[in-house]
Amino acid sequence: MIISASRRTDIRAFYARWFTNRIRHGSCVVINPFNSAQRYCIDMTMEV
């Protein structure tokens, strides 16, 4: 799985614990920075 999220923040430096928990949970919610009412649920399961 390739996750490209570097345009918004440095996840590895500042949010590593949160990111690890999200991978274990299998999903995360992303809020559009230009329209906070627009949200996306990202599936992070590692199914082959």
C-alpha atoms as a PDB file:
ATOM      1  CA  MET A   1       0.000   0.000   0.000  1.00  0.00           C
ATOM      2  CA  ILE A   2       1.294   3.482  -0.867  1.00  0.00           C
ATOM      3  CA  ILE A   3      -0.101   6.448   1.052  1.00  0.00           C
ATOM      4  CA  SER A   4       0.728   9.917  -0.240  1.00  0.00           C
ATOM      5  CA  ALA A   5      -0.060  12.428   2.484  1.00  0.00           C
ATOM      6  CA  SER A   6       3.047  14.604   2.608  1.00  0.00           C
ATOM      7  CA  ARG A   7       1.400  17.669   1.072  1.00  0.00           C
ATOM      8  CA  ARG A   8      -0.562  18.356   4.260  1.00  0.00           C
ATOM      9  CA  THR A   9       1.739  17.524   7.157  1.00  0.00           C
ATOM     10  CA  ASP A  10       4.723  15.477   8.275  1.00  0.00           C
ATOM     11  CA  ILE A  11       2.847  12.441   9.613  1.00  0.00           C
ATOM     12  CA  ARG A  12       5.939  10.451  10.509  1.00  0.00           C
ATOM     13  CA  ALA A  13       7.445  13.263  12.622  1.00  0.00           C
ATOM     14  CA  PHE A  14       4.331  14.568  14.376  1.00  0.00           C
ATOM     15  CA  TYR A  15       1.516  12.000  14.108  1.00  0.00           C
ATOM     16  CA  ALA A  16       3.189   8.561  14.004  1.00  0.00           C
ATOM     17  CA  ARG A  17       1.154   7.098  16.899  1.00  0.00           C
ATOM     18  CA  TRP A  18      -2.136   8.398  15.441  1.00  0.00           C
ATOM     19  CA  PHE A  19      -1.232   7.036  11.990  1.00  0.00           C
ATOM     20  CA  THR A  20      -0.342   3.602  13.366  1.00  0.00           C
ATOM     21  CA  ASN A  21      -3.658   3.467  15.229  1.00  0.00           C
ATOM     22  CA  ARG A  22      -5.557   4.444  12.063  1.00  0.00           C
ATOM     23  CA  ILE A  23      -3.883   1.644  10.075  1.00  0.00           C
ATOM     24  CA  ARG A  24      -4.793  -0.856  12.812  1.00  0.00           C
ATOM     25  CA  HIS A  25      -8.372   0.460  12.853  1.00  0.00           C
ATOM     26  CA  GLY A  26      -8.569   0.184   9.061  1.00  0.00           C
ATOM     27  CA  SER A  27      -9.841   3.645   8.139  1.00  0.00           C
ATOM     28  CA  CYS A  28      -9.572   7.357   8.742  1.00  0.00           C
ATOM     29  CA  VAL A  29     -11.659  10.437   7.995  1.00  0.00           C
ATOM     30  CA  VAL A  30     -10.100  13.250   5.964  1.00  0.00           C
ATOM     31  CA  ILE A  31     -11.586  16.740   6.021  1.00  0.00           C
ATOM     32  CA  ASN A  32     -11.222  18.948   2.951  1.00  0.00           C
ATOM     33  CA  PRO A  33      -9.192  21.999   4.114  1.00  0.00           C
ATOM     34  CA  PHE A  34     -11.113  24.281   1.743  1.00  0.00           C
ATOM     35  CA  ASN A  35     -14.600  22.999   2.610  1.00  0.00           C
ATOM     36  CA  SER A  36     -14.872  21.597   6.148  1.00  0.00           C
ATOM     37  CA  ALA A  37     -18.315  20.146   5.407  1.00  0.00           C
ATOM     38  CA  GLN A  38     -16.749  17.797   2.838  1.00  0.00           C
ATOM     39  CA  ARG A  39     -15.317  14.676   4.486  1.00  0.00           C
ATOM     40  CA  TYR A  40     -13.951  11.457   3.077  1.00  0.00           C
ATOM     41  CA  CYS A  41     -13.620   8.078   4.784  1.00  0.00           C
ATOM     42  CA  ILE A  42     -10.402   6.439   3.566  1.00  0.00           C
ATOM     43  CA  ASP A  43     -10.186   2.641   3.669  1.00  0.00           C
ATOM     44  CA  MET A  44      -6.738   1.631   4.943  1.00  0.00           C
ATOM     45  CA  THR A  45      -7.150  -2.148   5.060  1.00  0.00           C
ATOM     46  CA  MET A  46      -4.340  -4.153   3.517  1.00  0.00           C
ATOM     47  CA  GLU A  47      -6.352  -6.650   1.511  1.00  0.00           C
ATOM     48  CA  VAL A  48      -4.634  -8.304  -1.426  1.00  0.00           C
END
